[in-house]
PDB file of N, CA and C in Angstrom:
ATOM      1  N   MET A   1     -21.642 -14.788  -3.715  1.00  0.00           N
ATOM      2  CA  MET A   1     -21.337 -13.358  -3.736  1.00  0.00           C
ATOM      3  C   MET A   1     -20.808 -13.301  -2.231  1.00  0.00           C
ATOM      4  N   LYS A   2     -20.784 -14.419  -1.441  1.00  0.00           N
ATOM      5  CA  LYS A   2     -19.763 -14.136  -0.094  1.00  0.00           C
ATOM      6  C   LYS A   2     -18.386 -14.098  -0.588  1.00  0.00           C
ATOM      7  N   LEU A   3     -18.046 -15.054  -1.450  1.00  0.00           N
ATOM      8  CA  LEU A   3     -16.772 -15.154  -1.837  1.00  0.00           C
ATOM      9  C   LEU A   3     -16.269 -13.612  -2.382  1.00  0.00           C
ATOM     10  N   ALA A   4     -17.163 -13.139  -3.433  1.00  0.00           N
ATOM     11  CA  ALA A   4     -16.715 -11.941  -3.616  1.00  0.00           C
ATOM     12  C   ALA A   4     -16.580 -10.793  -2.391  1.00  0.00           C
ATOM     13  N   SER A   5     -17.164 -10.758  -1.502  1.00  0.00           N
ATOM     14  CA  SER A   5     -17.192  -9.951  -0.520  1.00  0.00           C
ATOM     15  C   SER A   5     -16.109 -10.309   0.572  1.00  0.00           C
ATOM     16  N   LYS A   6     -15.294 -11.530   0.534  1.00  0.00           N
ATOM     17  CA  LYS A   6     -14.439 -12.076   1.274  1.00  0.00           C
ATOM     18  C   LYS A   6     -13.094 -11.480   0.449  1.00  0.00           C
ATOM     19  N   VAL A   7     -13.275 -11.359  -0.937  1.00  0.00           N
ATOM     20  CA  VAL A   7     -12.075 -10.931  -1.770  1.00  0.00           C
ATOM     21  C   VAL A   7     -11.882  -9.355  -1.610  1.00  0.00           C
ATOM     22  N   PHE A   8     -13.210  -8.988  -1.536  1.00  0.00           N
ATOM     23  CA  PHE A   8     -12.865  -7.485  -1.251  1.00  0.00           C
ATOM     24  C   PHE A   8     -12.454  -7.132  -0.179  1.00  0.00           C
ATOM     25  N   ASN A   9     -12.971  -7.407   0.784  1.00  0.00           N
ATOM     26  CA  ASN A   9     -12.320  -7.620   2.228  1.00  0.00           C
ATOM     27  C   ASN A   9     -10.853  -7.756   2.673  1.00  0.00           C
ATOM     28  N   LEU A  10     -10.371  -8.682   1.782  1.00  0.00           N
ATOM     29  CA  LEU A  10      -9.036  -9.080   1.822  1.00  0.00           C
ATOM     30  C   LEU A  10      -8.320  -8.042   1.255  1.00  0.00           C
ATOM     31  N   SER A  11      -8.743  -7.521  -0.218  1.00  0.00           N
ATOM     32  CA  SER A  11      -8.101  -6.465  -0.880  1.00  0.00           C
ATOM     33  C   SER A  11      -8.328  -5.101   0.100  1.00  0.00           C
ATOM     34  N   LEU A  12      -9.248  -4.845   0.427  1.00  0.00           N
ATOM     35  CA  LEU A  12      -9.332  -3.767   1.311  1.00  0.00           C
ATOM     36  C   LEU A  12      -8.105  -3.559   2.286  1.00  0.00           C
ATOM     37  N   SER A  13      -8.213  -4.675   3.338  1.00  0.00           N
ATOM     38  CA  SER A  13      -7.047  -4.766   4.489  1.00  0.00           C
ATOM     39  C   SER A  13      -5.901  -5.101   4.098  1.00  0.00           C
ATOM     40  N   LEU A  14      -5.540  -5.331   2.864  1.00  0.00           N
ATOM     41  CA  LEU A  14      -4.253  -5.363   2.101  1.00  0.00           C
ATOM     42  C   LEU A  14      -3.958  -4.115   1.615  1.00  0.00           C
ATOM     43  N   SER A  15      -4.924  -3.203   1.174  1.00  0.00           N
ATOM     44  CA  SER A  15      -4.684  -2.153   0.770  1.00  0.00           C
ATOM     45  C   SER A  15      -4.212  -0.823   1.852  1.00  0.00           C
ATOM     46  N   LYS A  16      -4.996  -1.537   3.016  1.00  0.00           N
ATOM     47  CA  LYS A  16      -4.395  -0.380   4.601  1.00  0.00           C
ATOM     48  C   LYS A  16      -3.277  -0.943   4.908  1.00  0.00           C
ATOM     49  N   GLN A  17      -2.846  -2.182   4.904  1.00  0.00           N
ATOM     50  CA  GLN A  17      -1.676  -2.460   5.307  1.00  0.00           C
ATOM     51  C   GLN A  17      -0.387  -1.786   4.699  1.00  0.00           C
ATOM     52  N   ILE A  18      -0.530  -1.673   3.235  1.00  0.00           N
ATOM     53  CA  ILE A  18       0.481  -0.916   2.808  1.00  0.00           C
ATOM     54  C   ILE A  18       0.176   0.314   2.330  1.00  0.00           C
ATOM     55  N   ASN A  19      -0.615   0.886   3.206  1.00  0.00           N
ATOM     56  CA  ASN A  19      -0.657   2.452   3.163  1.00  0.00           C
ATOM     57  C   ASN A  19      -0.775   2.947   1.665  1.00  0.00           C
ATOM     58  N   GLN A  20      -1.852   2.596   1.184  1.00  0.00           N
ATOM     59  CA  GLN A  20      -2.484   2.883  -0.245  1.00  0.00           C
ATOM     60  C   GLN A  20      -3.594   3.350  -0.238  1.00  0.00           C
ATOM     61  N   SER A  21      -3.741   4.286  -0.982  1.00  0.00           N
ATOM     62  CA  SER A  21      -5.510   4.774  -1.325  1.00  0.00           C
ATOM     63  C   SER A  21      -6.040   3.568  -1.625  1.00  0.00           C
ATOM     64  N   PRO A  22      -7.926   3.836  -1.530  1.00  0.00           N
ATOM     65  CA  PRO A  22      -8.513   2.851  -1.631  1.00  0.00           C
ATOM     66  C   PRO A  22      -8.773   2.438  -2.960  1.00  0.00           C
ATOM     67  N   ARG A  23      -8.308   3.723  -3.796  1.00  0.00           N
ATOM     68  CA  ARG A  23      -8.323   3.134  -5.350  1.00  0.00           C
ATOM     69  C   ARG A  23      -7.538   2.026  -5.564  1.00  0.00           C
ATOM     70  N   SER A  24      -6.663   2.001  -4.760  1.00  0.00           N
ATOM     71  CA  SER A  24      -5.510   0.543  -5.396  1.00  0.00           C
ATOM     72  C   SER A  24      -6.370  -0.545  -5.268  1.00  0.00           C
ATOM     73  N   ILE A  25      -7.350  -0.873  -4.689  1.00  0.00           N
ATOM     74  CA  ILE A  25      -8.073  -1.984  -4.779  1.00  0.00           C
ATOM     75  C   ILE A  25      -8.708  -2.596  -5.773  1.00  0.00           C
ATOM     76  N   TYR A  26      -8.899  -1.467  -6.573  1.00  0.00           N
ATOM     77  CA  TYR A  26      -9.630  -1.949  -8.164  1.00  0.00           C
ATOM     78  C   TYR A  26      -8.611  -3.012  -8.959  1.00  0.00           C
ATOM     79  N   PRO A  27      -7.561  -2.014  -9.088  1.00  0.00           N
ATOM     80  CA  PRO A  27      -6.472  -3.324  -9.757  1.00  0.00           C
ATOM     81  C   PRO A  27      -6.358  -4.641  -9.276  1.00  0.00           C
ATOM     82  N   ILE A  28      -6.508  -4.704  -7.839  1.00  0.00           N
ATOM     83  CA  ILE A  28      -6.081  -5.883  -7.133  1.00  0.00           C
ATOM     84  C   ILE A  28      -7.671  -6.494  -7.477  1.00  0.00           C
ATOM     85  N   MET A  29      -8.535  -6.287  -7.099  1.00  0.00           N
ATOM     86  CA  MET A  29     -10.002  -6.786  -7.280  1.00  0.00           C
ATOM     87  C   MET A  29     -10.078  -7.429  -9.018  1.00  0.00           C
ATOM     88  N   THR A  30      -9.383  -6.232  -9.850  1.00  0.00           N
ATOM     89  CA  THR A  30      -9.408  -6.981 -11.271  1.00  0.00           C
ATOM     90  C   THR A  30      -8.903  -8.221 -11.375  1.00  0.00           C
ATOM     91  N   LEU A  31      -7.815  -8.141 -10.879  1.00  0.00           N
ATOM     92  CA  LEU A  31      -6.570  -9.166 -11.034  1.00  0.00           C
ATOM     93  C   LEU A  31      -6.923 -10.606 -10.213  1.00  0.00           C
ATOM     94  N   LEU A  32      -8.047 -10.491  -9.182  1.00  0.00           N
ATOM     95  CA  LEU A  32      -8.428 -11.375  -8.515  1.00  0.00           C
ATOM     96  C   LEU A  32      -9.795 -11.862  -9.485  1.00  0.00           C
ATOM     97  N   LEU A  33     -10.499 -11.059  -9.759  1.00  0.00           N
ATOM     98  CA  LEU A  33     -11.772 -11.772 -10.490  1.00  0.00           C
ATOM     99  C   LEU A  33     -11.552 -12.283 -11.554  1.00  0.00           C
ATOM    100  N   LYS A  34     -10.271 -12.050 -12.426  1.00  0.00           N
ATOM    101  CA  LYS A  34      -9.850 -12.753 -13.299  1.00  0.00           C
ATOM    102  C   LYS A  34      -9.421 -14.585 -13.398  1.00  0.00           C
ATOM    103  N   LYS A  35      -8.851 -14.470 -11.627  1.00  0.00           N
ATOM    104  CA  LYS A  35      -8.154 -15.771 -11.466  1.00  0.00           C
ATOM    105  C   LYS A  35      -9.478 -16.499 -11.058  1.00  0.00           C
ATOM    106  N   LEU A  36     -10.190 -15.805 -10.210  1.00  0.00           N
ATOM    107  CA  LEU A  36     -11.373 -16.514  -9.288  1.00  0.00           C
ATOM    108  C   LEU A  36     -12.440 -17.032 -10.362  1.00  0.00           C
ATOM    109  N   PRO A  37     -13.147 -18.158 -10.175  1.00  0.00           N
ATOM    110  CA  PRO A  37     -14.170 -18.396 -10.980  1.00  0.00           C
ATOM    111  C   PRO A  37     -15.456 -17.934 -10.578  1.00  0.00           C
ATOM    112  N   LEU A  38     -15.510 -16.516 -10.282  1.00  0.00           N
ATOM    113  CA  LEU A  38     -17.018 -16.154  -9.433  1.00  0.00           C
ATOM    114  C   LEU A  38     -17.768 -15.789 -10.609  1.00  0.00           C
ATOM    115  N   SER A  39     -17.740 -15.800 -11.688  1.00  0.00           N
ATOM    116  CA  SER A  39     -18.697 -15.839 -12.829  1.00  0.00           C
ATOM    117  C   SER A  39     -19.501 -16.709 -12.859  1.00  0.00           C
ATOM    118  N   LYS A  40     -19.127 -17.818 -12.173  1.00  0.00           N
ATOM    119  CA  LYS A  40     -20.165 -19.132 -11.861  1.00  0.00           C
ATOM    120  C   LYS A  40     -21.197 -19.044 -10.875  1.00  0.00           C
ATOM    121  N   ASN A  41     -20.844 -17.933  -9.721  1.00  0.00           N
ATOM    122  CA  ASN A  41     -21.935 -17.789  -8.820  1.00  0.00           C
ATOM    123  C   ASN A  41     -23.152 -17.359  -9.517  1.00  0.00           C
TER     124      ASN A  41
END
């Protein structure tokens, strides 16, 4: 769960840096969740 929160915070800061709406986080999260083995936690 800690890894998931780190990924979320990273995505949040990334979306802020590129000045996009918070909704842009979800596509990023989807891509990261597919690549990271979070399902094992």
